[in-house]
Amino acid sequence: MKLIKLDAIDSTNEFLKGLSSKQDLENFTVVTAENQTKGKGQMGSVWISEAGKNLIMSVFVKDSLSDVSQIYSLNIAVALAVIESLESYNIPELSIKWPNDIMSYNFKIGGLLLENSIKSDGTLSSIIGLGLNINQTNFENLPKASSLAQISKTTFDKEKILLTIMEKLESTIRNLEYDVRSLWESYNGLLFKKGVPMPFKDQSDKNFMGIIQGVSTAGQLQLLLEDDTIAEYSLKEIQMLY
């Protein structure tokens, strides 16, 4: 693991993406920043973090899958690596809110953003971005956000958590294709509000009820609807109301 530490940057994902386009990076190269001015979330949303309090990191990963049609398996491997790392710090009631939010109880404590690039020869390289709320305790106007410190009533060593996550991430990704079935089972078992009737809102702002059944191999959320049919939804087609 090669570690690049930055004081402030617009986006660790963008920095690492630019670096990978200019040079042949070592697998599992990591970039961290104390402050990120233009942090990215899913579908162009913004990730806001208090300077110096949280873990902001991006990881360059290459050749993780031989079959790029199974690309969502990489999301699953990363999410599970983060969850298992946090379990080792006794963070309670962890779950994954589809597609890539890390939850404790009903609060978001982290988020993932994977950006994949498939070369002409079929090889895959990925930039894995992770924002994890660690020691921040002020979440004014963010009622659904929390942190490890706020939940556990203690402060944490960010460097130690980074090393724990990277150790688990490397192990999980290197074994991805051998353990893919068990990884999928674990991921589906950790889905936030799975099996619970929940209200959702679609793109036309229409509210409806659904019960999460799981996630398809293409990464779509599978919902059991009130008419007993199963429907699949892509990212941003629906929003859970909780």
C-alpha atoms as a PDB file:
ATOM      1  CA  MET A   1       0.000   0.000   0.000  1.00  0.00           C
ATOM      2  CA  LYS A   2       1.348   3.400  -1.021  1.00  0.00           C
ATOM      3  CA  LEU A   3      -0.108   6.259   1.031  1.00  0.00           C
ATOM      4  CA  ILE A   4      -0.279   9.881  -0.155  1.00  0.00           C
ATOM      5  CA  LYS A   5      -1.365  12.352   2.536  1.00  0.00           C
ATOM      6  CA  LEU A   6      -2.728  15.747   1.559  1.00  0.00           C
ATOM      7  CA  ASP A   7      -3.702  18.678   3.753  1.00  0.00           C
ATOM      8  CA  ALA A   8      -6.447  20.024   1.507  1.00  0.00           C
ATOM      9  CA  ILE A   9      -7.760  19.054  -1.916  1.00  0.00           C
ATOM     10  CA  ASP A  10     -10.888  19.638  -3.971  1.00  0.00           C
ATOM     11  CA  SER A  11     -11.588  15.886  -4.282  1.00  0.00           C
ATOM     12  CA  THR A  12      -9.404  12.878  -3.447  1.00  0.00           C
ATOM     13  CA  ASN A  13     -11.184  10.903  -6.178  1.00  0.00           C
ATOM     14  CA  GLU A  14     -10.357  13.551  -8.789  1.00  0.00           C
ATOM     15  CA  PHE A  15      -6.756  13.835  -7.564  1.00  0.00           C
ATOM     16  CA  LEU A  16      -6.221  10.077  -7.767  1.00  0.00           C
ATOM     17  CA  LYS A  17      -7.965   9.877 -11.133  1.00  0.00           C
ATOM     18  CA  GLY A  18      -5.607  12.532 -12.508  1.00  0.00           C
ATOM     19  CA  LEU A  19      -2.574  10.768 -11.034  1.00  0.00           C
ATOM     20  CA  SER A  20      -3.573   7.419 -12.553  1.00  0.00           C
ATOM     21  CA  SER A  21      -3.889   8.996 -16.001  1.00  0.00           C
ATOM     22  CA  LYS A  22      -0.292  10.278 -15.831  1.00  0.00           C
ATOM     23  CA  GLN A  23       1.553   7.316 -14.319  1.00  0.00           C
ATOM     24  CA  ASP A  24       1.309   3.600 -13.678  1.00  0.00           C
ATOM     25  CA  LEU A  25       0.117   3.497 -10.073  1.00  0.00           C
ATOM     26  CA  GLU A  26       0.820   0.744  -7.602  1.00  0.00           C
ATOM     27  CA  ASN A  27      -2.281  -1.309  -6.813  1.00  0.00           C
ATOM     28  CA  PHE A  28      -4.058  -0.084  -3.664  1.00  0.00           C
ATOM     29  CA  THR A  29      -2.483   3.375  -3.786  1.00  0.00           C
ATOM     30  CA  VAL A  30      -4.293   5.510  -1.194  1.00  0.00           C
ATOM     31  CA  VAL A  31      -4.850   9.262  -1.055  1.00  0.00           C
ATOM     32  CA  THR A  32      -6.134  10.904   2.135  1.00  0.00           C
ATOM     33  CA  ALA A  33      -6.993  14.537   2.887  1.00  0.00           C
ATOM     34  CA  GLU A  34      -7.634  16.464   6.070  1.00  0.00           C
ATOM     35  CA  ASN A  35      -9.970  18.794   4.201  1.00  0.00           C
ATOM     36  CA  GLN A  36     -11.890  18.288   0.967  1.00  0.00           C
ATOM     37  CA  THR A  37     -13.531  21.295  -0.663  1.00  0.00           C
ATOM     38  CA  LYS A  38     -15.500  19.535  -3.391  1.00  0.00           C
ATOM     39  CA  GLY A  39     -16.173  16.054  -2.060  1.00  0.00           C
ATOM     40  CA  LYS A  40     -18.286  13.919  -4.385  1.00  0.00           C
ATOM     41  CA  GLY A  41     -21.211  11.667  -3.577  1.00  0.00           C
ATOM     42  CA  GLN A  42     -23.446   9.501  -5.738  1.00  0.00           C
ATOM     43  CA  MET A  43     -24.834  11.083  -8.933  1.00  0.00           C
ATOM     44  CA  GLY A  44     -23.108  14.428  -8.395  1.00  0.00           C
ATOM     45  CA  SER A  45     -24.241  15.014  -4.818  1.00  0.00           C
ATOM     46  CA  VAL A  46     -21.818  16.726  -2.414  1.00  0.00           C
ATOM     47  CA  TRP A  47     -20.048  15.136   0.546  1.00  0.00           C
ATOM     48  CA  ILE A  48     -19.462  17.710   3.311  1.00  0.00           C
ATOM     49  CA  SER A  49     -16.936  17.021   6.070  1.00  0.00           C
ATOM     50  CA  GLU A  50     -15.538  19.089   8.954  1.00  0.00           C
ATOM     51  CA  ALA A  51     -11.811  19.636   8.399  1.00  0.00           C
ATOM     52  CA  GLY A  52      -9.502  17.302  10.294  1.00  0.00           C
ATOM     53  CA  LYS A  53     -12.253  15.317  11.989  1.00  0.00           C
ATOM     54  CA  ASN A  54     -13.080  12.582   9.508  1.00  0.00           C
ATOM     55  CA  LEU A  55     -11.520  10.008   7.220  1.00  0.00           C
ATOM     56  CA  ILE A  56     -11.484  11.176   3.611  1.00  0.00           C
ATOM     57  CA  MET A  57      -9.775   8.715   1.300  1.00  0.00           C
ATOM     58  CA  SER A  58      -9.609   7.316  -2.194  1.00  0.00           C
ATOM     59  CA  VAL A  59      -8.010   4.042  -3.283  1.00  0.00           C
ATOM     60  CA  PHE A  60      -6.750   3.034  -6.718  1.00  0.00           C
ATOM     61  CA  VAL A  61      -7.521  -0.598  -7.523  1.00  0.00           C
ATOM     62  CA  LYS A  62      -6.721  -2.439 -10.740  1.00  0.00           C
ATOM     63  CA  ASP A  63      -7.438  -5.902 -12.128  1.00  0.00           C
ATOM     64  CA  SER A  64      -9.957  -6.708  -9.394  1.00  0.00           C
ATOM     65  CA  LEU A  65     -12.324  -8.639 -11.692  1.00  0.00           C
ATOM     66  CA  SER A  66     -11.749 -10.907 -14.685  1.00  0.00           C
ATOM     67  CA  ASP A  67     -15.411 -10.547 -15.714  1.00  0.00           C
ATOM     68  CA  VAL A  68     -16.355  -6.859 -15.840  1.00  0.00           C
ATOM     69  CA  SER A  69     -20.041  -7.784 -16.241  1.00  0.00           C
ATOM     70  CA  GLN A  70     -19.891  -8.581 -12.511  1.00  0.00           C
ATOM     71  CA  ILE A  71     -18.716  -5.065 -11.707  1.00  0.00           C
ATOM     72  CA  TYR A  72     -21.260  -4.460  -8.932  1.00  0.00           C
ATOM     73  CA  SER A  73     -19.534  -7.209  -6.951  1.00  0.00           C
ATOM     74  CA  LEU A  74     -16.730  -4.704  -6.369  1.00  0.00           C
ATOM     75  CA  ASN A  75     -19.183  -2.331  -4.663  1.00  0.00           C
ATOM     76  CA  ILE A  76     -20.249  -5.192  -2.437  1.00  0.00           C
ATOM     77  CA  ALA A  77     -16.685  -6.158  -1.530  1.00  0.00           C
ATOM     78  CA  VAL A  78     -15.825  -2.574  -0.593  1.00  0.00           C
ATOM     79  CA  ALA A  79     -18.970  -2.008   1.487  1.00  0.00           C
ATOM     80  CA  LEU A  80     -18.445  -5.259   3.379  1.00  0.00           C
ATOM     81  CA  ALA A  81     -14.780  -4.441   4.037  1.00  0.00           C
ATOM     82  CA  VAL A  82     -15.820  -1.139   5.622  1.00  0.00           C
ATOM     83  CA  ILE A  83     -18.579  -2.766   7.676  1.00  0.00           C
ATOM     84  CA  GLU A  84     -16.267  -5.524   8.944  1.00  0.00           C
ATOM     85  CA  SER A  85     -13.605  -2.954   9.831  1.00  0.00           C
ATOM     86  CA  LEU A  86     -16.091  -0.905  11.857  1.00  0.00           C
ATOM     87  CA  GLU A  87     -17.351  -4.037  13.603  1.00  0.00           C
ATOM     88  CA  SER A  88     -13.840  -4.477  14.991  1.00  0.00           C
ATOM     89  CA  TYR A  89     -14.290  -1.101  16.730  1.00  0.00           C
ATOM     90  CA  ASN A  90     -17.629  -2.211  18.187  1.00  0.00           C
ATOM     91  CA  ILE A  91     -19.714   0.265  16.184  1.00  0.00           C
ATOM     92  CA  PRO A  92     -23.317  -0.892  16.767  1.00  0.00           C
ATOM     93  CA  GLU A  93     -26.193  -1.713  14.405  1.00  0.00           C
ATOM     94  CA  LEU A  94     -24.253  -1.396  11.163  1.00  0.00           C
ATOM     95  CA  SER A  95     -26.012  -1.716   7.817  1.00  0.00           C
ATOM     96  CA  ILE A  96     -25.721  -0.690   4.162  1.00  0.00           C
ATOM     97  CA  LYS A  97     -28.331   1.663   2.747  1.00  0.00           C
ATOM     98  CA  TRP A  98     -28.494   0.898  -0.957  1.00  0.00           C
ATOM     99  CA  PRO A  99     -26.427   1.577  -2.877  1.00  0.00           C
ATOM    100  CA  ASN A 100     -23.442   2.809  -0.869  1.00  0.00           C
ATOM    101  CA  ASP A 101     -24.314   4.506   2.426  1.00  0.00           C
ATOM    102  CA  ILE A 102     -22.818   3.114   5.626  1.00  0.00           C
ATOM    103  CA  MET A 103     -25.332   3.306   8.471  1.00  0.00           C
ATOM    104  CA  SER A 104     -25.314   2.886  12.240  1.00  0.00           C
ATOM    105  CA  TYR A 105     -28.835   2.637  13.638  1.00  0.00           C
ATOM    106  CA  ASN A 106     -30.796   5.065  11.416  1.00  0.00           C
ATOM    107  CA  PHE A 107     -27.876   7.435  10.888  1.00  0.00           C
ATOM    108  CA  LYS A 108     -25.523   7.787   7.934  1.00  0.00           C
ATOM    109  CA  ILE A 109     -21.920   7.614   9.105  1.00  0.00           C
ATOM    110  CA  GLY A 110     -20.207   7.112   5.755  1.00  0.00           C
ATOM    111  CA  GLY A 111     -20.549   6.925   2.021  1.00  0.00           C
ATOM    112  CA  LEU A 112     -18.792   5.224  -0.878  1.00  0.00           C
ATOM    113  CA  LEU A 113     -18.267   6.375  -4.451  1.00  0.00           C
ATOM    114  CA  LEU A 114     -16.773   3.949  -6.975  1.00  0.00           C
ATOM    115  CA  GLU A 115     -15.676   5.220 -10.378  1.00  0.00           C
ATOM    116  CA  ASN A 116     -14.690   2.483 -12.807  1.00  0.00           C
ATOM    117  CA  SER A 117     -12.747   2.602 -16.051  1.00  0.00           C
ATOM    118  CA  ILE A 118     -12.651  -0.292 -18.531  1.00  0.00           C
ATOM    119  CA  LYS A 119      -9.747  -0.205 -20.969  1.00  0.00           C
ATOM    120  CA  SER A 120      -9.877  -1.376 -24.571  1.00  0.00           C
ATOM    121  CA  ASP A 121      -8.215  -4.659 -23.588  1.00  0.00           C
ATOM    122  CA  GLY A 122     -11.032  -5.340 -21.110  1.00  0.00           C
ATOM    123  CA  THR A 123      -9.019  -4.665 -17.952  1.00  0.00           C
ATOM    124  CA  LEU A 124     -10.651  -2.734 -15.137  1.00  0.00           C
ATOM    125  CA  SER A 125      -9.295   0.026 -12.927  1.00  0.00           C
ATOM    126  CA  SER A 126     -11.305   1.676 -10.172  1.00  0.00           C
ATOM    127  CA  ILE A 127     -11.141   4.704  -7.911  1.00  0.00           C
ATOM    128  CA  ILE A 128     -12.819   3.892  -4.597  1.00  0.00           C
ATOM    129  CA  GLY A 129     -13.796   6.958  -2.588  1.00  0.00           C
ATOM    130  CA  LEU A 130     -14.756   6.691   1.080  1.00  0.00           C
ATOM    131  CA  GLY A 131     -15.942   9.421   3.412  1.00  0.00           C
ATOM    132  CA  LEU A 132     -16.332   8.239   6.993  1.00  0.00           C
ATOM    133  CA  ASN A 133     -17.525  10.471   9.829  1.00  0.00           C
ATOM    134  CA  ILE A 134     -15.203   9.701  12.721  1.00  0.00           C
ATOM    135  CA  ASN A 135     -14.697  12.502  15.266  1.00  0.00           C
ATOM    136  CA  GLN A 136     -17.114  15.153  13.978  1.00  0.00           C
ATOM    137  CA  THR A 137     -19.940  15.785  16.449  1.00  0.00           C
ATOM    138  CA  ASN A 138     -21.677  18.827  14.970  1.00  0.00           C
ATOM    139  CA  PHE A 139     -24.204  17.893  12.298  1.00  0.00           C
ATOM    140  CA  GLU A 140     -26.358  21.000  12.260  1.00  0.00           C
ATOM    141  CA  ASN A 141     -29.062  20.790   9.576  1.00  0.00           C
ATOM    142  CA  LEU A 142     -28.078  17.151   8.933  1.00  0.00           C
ATOM    143  CA  PRO A 143     -30.494  15.241  11.181  1.00  0.00           C
ATOM    144  CA  LYS A 144     -29.792  11.875   9.521  1.00  0.00           C
ATOM    145  CA  ALA A 145     -25.993  12.099   9.854  1.00  0.00           C
ATOM    146  CA  SER A 146     -23.805  10.937  12.713  1.00  0.00           C
ATOM    147  CA  SER A 147     -20.260   9.758  13.444  1.00  0.00           C
ATOM    148  CA  LEU A 148     -18.361   7.036  15.240  1.00  0.00           C
ATOM    149  CA  ALA A 149     -17.557   9.474  18.063  1.00  0.00           C
ATOM    150  CA  GLN A 150     -21.142  10.618  18.454  1.00  0.00           C
ATOM    151  CA  ILE A 151     -22.514   7.083  18.490  1.00  0.00           C
ATOM    152  CA  SER A 152     -19.812   5.538  20.692  1.00  0.00           C
ATOM    153  CA  LYS A 153     -19.231   8.566  22.965  1.00  0.00           C
ATOM    154  CA  THR A 154     -15.471   8.399  22.451  1.00  0.00           C
ATOM    155  CA  THR A 155     -12.826   9.694  20.042  1.00  0.00           C
ATOM    156  CA  PHE A 156     -11.034   7.489  17.544  1.00  0.00           C
ATOM    157  CA  ASP A 157      -7.606   7.296  15.893  1.00  0.00           C
ATOM    158  CA  LYS A 158      -8.230   8.018  12.201  1.00  0.00           C
ATOM    159  CA  GLU A 159      -4.885   6.539  11.131  1.00  0.00           C
ATOM    160  CA  LYS A 160      -5.602   3.275  12.887  1.00  0.00           C
ATOM    161  CA  ILE A 161      -9.046   3.033  11.284  1.00  0.00           C
ATOM    162  CA  LEU A 162      -7.514   3.762   7.854  1.00  0.00           C
ATOM    163  CA  LEU A 163      -5.030   0.899   8.258  1.00  0.00           C
ATOM    164  CA  THR A 164      -7.777  -1.462   9.457  1.00  0.00           C
ATOM    165  CA  ILE A 165      -9.951  -0.617   6.450  1.00  0.00           C
ATOM    166  CA  MET A 166      -7.082  -1.012   3.983  1.00  0.00           C
ATOM    167  CA  GLU A 167      -6.067  -4.387   5.407  1.00  0.00           C
ATOM    168  CA  LYS A 168      -9.635  -5.656   5.133  1.00  0.00           C
ATOM    169  CA  LEU A 169     -10.168  -4.029   1.720  1.00  0.00           C
ATOM    170  CA  GLU A 170      -7.072  -5.608   0.180  1.00  0.00           C
ATOM    171  CA  SER A 171      -7.990  -9.035   1.546  1.00  0.00           C
ATOM    172  CA  THR A 172     -11.623  -8.830   0.410  1.00  0.00           C
ATOM    173  CA  ILE A 173     -10.838  -7.580  -3.100  1.00  0.00           C
ATOM    174  CA  ARG A 174      -8.009 -10.062  -3.678  1.00  0.00           C
ATOM    175  CA  ASN A 175     -10.398 -12.904  -2.792  1.00  0.00           C
ATOM    176  CA  LEU A 176     -13.402 -11.331  -4.528  1.00  0.00           C
ATOM    177  CA  GLU A 177     -13.904 -13.894  -7.265  1.00  0.00           C
ATOM    178  CA  TYR A 178     -13.399 -16.840  -4.912  1.00  0.00           C
ATOM    179  CA  ASP A 179     -15.904 -15.596  -2.315  1.00  0.00           C
ATOM    180  CA  VAL A 180     -18.411 -13.787  -4.519  1.00  0.00           C
ATOM    181  CA  ARG A 181     -21.437 -15.894  -3.517  1.00  0.00           C
ATOM    182  CA  SER A 182     -20.846 -15.491   0.227  1.00  0.00           C
ATOM    183  CA  LEU A 183     -20.125 -11.769  -0.256  1.00  0.00           C
ATOM    184  CA  TRP A 184     -23.482 -11.301  -1.988  1.00  0.00           C
ATOM    185  CA  GLU A 185     -25.255 -13.167   0.808  1.00  0.00           C
ATOM    186  CA  SER A 186     -23.567 -11.026   3.453  1.00  0.00           C
ATOM    187  CA  TYR A 187     -24.344  -7.809   1.553  1.00  0.00           C
ATOM    188  CA  ASN A 188     -28.019  -8.651   1.088  1.00  0.00           C
ATOM    189  CA  GLY A 189     -28.240  -9.613   4.757  1.00  0.00           C
ATOM    190  CA  LEU A 190     -26.891  -6.199   5.788  1.00  0.00           C
ATOM    191  CA  LEU A 191     -29.262  -4.089   3.680  1.00  0.00           C
ATOM    192  CA  PHE A 192     -30.814  -1.217   5.635  1.00  0.00           C
ATOM    193  CA  LYS A 193     -34.538  -1.853   6.322  1.00  0.00           C
ATOM    194  CA  LYS A 194     -34.568  -5.116   4.378  1.00  0.00           C
ATOM    195  CA  GLY A 195     -37.862  -6.997   4.840  1.00  0.00           C
ATOM    196  CA  VAL A 196     -39.564  -3.990   6.462  1.00  0.00           C
ATOM    197  CA  PRO A 197     -42.487  -2.175   4.756  1.00  0.00           C
ATOM    198  CA  MET A 198     -41.103   1.274   3.938  1.00  0.00           C
ATOM    199  CA  PRO A 199     -42.371   4.349   2.083  1.00  0.00           C
ATOM    200  CA  PHE A 200     -40.519   5.344  -1.088  1.00  0.00           C
ATOM    201  CA  LYS A 201     -40.760   8.242  -3.535  1.00  0.00           C
ATOM    202  CA  ASP A 202     -40.260   7.872  -7.274  1.00  0.00           C
ATOM    203  CA  GLN A 203     -38.949  10.364  -9.844  1.00  0.00           C
ATOM    204  CA  SER A 204     -42.394  11.922 -10.275  1.00  0.00           C
ATOM    205  CA  ASP A 205     -42.639  12.532  -6.495  1.00  0.00           C
ATOM    206  CA  LYS A 206     -45.242   9.806  -6.121  1.00  0.00           C
ATOM    207  CA  ASN A 207     -45.125   7.995  -2.780  1.00  0.00           C
ATOM    208  CA  PHE A 208     -45.553   4.234  -2.572  1.00  0.00           C
ATOM    209  CA  MET A 209     -44.868   1.357  -0.174  1.00  0.00           C
ATOM    210  CA  GLY A 210     -42.337  -1.376  -0.810  1.00  0.00           C
ATOM    211  CA  ILE A 211     -40.352  -4.059   0.967  1.00  0.00           C
ATOM    212  CA  ILE A 212     -36.652  -4.455   0.115  1.00  0.00           C
ATOM    213  CA  GLN A 213     -35.901  -7.994  -1.035  1.00  0.00           C
ATOM    214  CA  GLY A 214     -32.302  -7.579  -2.116  1.00  0.00           C
ATOM    215  CA  VAL A 215     -30.075  -6.184  -4.868  1.00  0.00           C
ATOM    216  CA  SER A 216     -29.725  -7.639  -8.370  1.00  0.00           C
ATOM    217  CA  THR A 217     -26.368  -8.571  -9.911  1.00  0.00           C
ATOM    218  CA  ALA A 218     -26.663  -5.360 -11.949  1.00  0.00           C
ATOM    219  CA  GLY A 219     -26.917  -3.338  -8.731  1.00  0.00           C
ATOM    220  CA  GLN A 220     -30.633  -2.567  -8.890  1.00  0.00           C
ATOM    221  CA  LEU A 221     -32.752  -2.456  -5.746  1.00  0.00           C
ATOM    222  CA  GLN A 222     -35.447  -5.150  -5.712  1.00  0.00           C
ATOM    223  CA  LEU A 223     -38.718  -4.164  -4.039  1.00  0.00           C
ATOM    224  CA  LEU A 224     -41.823  -6.206  -3.303  1.00  0.00           C
ATOM    225  CA  LEU A 225     -44.745  -3.897  -4.143  1.00  0.00           C
ATOM    226  CA  GLU A 226     -48.287  -3.836  -2.770  1.00  0.00           C
ATOM    227  CA  ASP A 227     -49.581  -5.815  -5.773  1.00  0.00           C
ATOM    228  CA  ASP A 228     -47.144  -8.644  -4.885  1.00  0.00           C
ATOM    229  CA  THR A 229     -44.884  -7.969  -7.883  1.00  0.00           C
ATOM    230  CA  ILE A 230     -41.121  -7.469  -7.660  1.00  0.00           C
ATOM    231  CA  ALA A 231     -39.810  -4.296  -9.280  1.00  0.00           C
ATOM    232  CA  GLU A 232     -36.172  -3.294  -9.807  1.00  0.00           C
ATOM    233  CA  TYR A 233     -34.941   0.281  -9.528  1.00  0.00           C
ATOM    234  CA  SER A 234     -31.711   1.954 -10.578  1.00  0.00           C
ATOM    235  CA  LEU A 235     -29.812   4.591  -8.644  1.00  0.00           C
ATOM    236  CA  LYS A 236     -31.793   7.822  -8.141  1.00  0.00           C
ATOM    237  CA  GLU A 237     -35.006   6.369  -9.601  1.00  0.00           C
ATOM    238  CA  ILE A 238     -36.379   6.119  -6.074  1.00  0.00           C
ATOM    239  CA  GLN A 239     -35.739   7.549  -2.624  1.00  0.00           C
ATOM    240  CA  MET A 240     -36.435   5.815   0.665  1.00  0.00           C
ATOM    241  CA  LEU A 241     -38.420   7.951   3.111  1.00  0.00           C
ATOM    242  CA  TYR A 242     -37.282   7.166   6.624  1.00  0.00           C
END
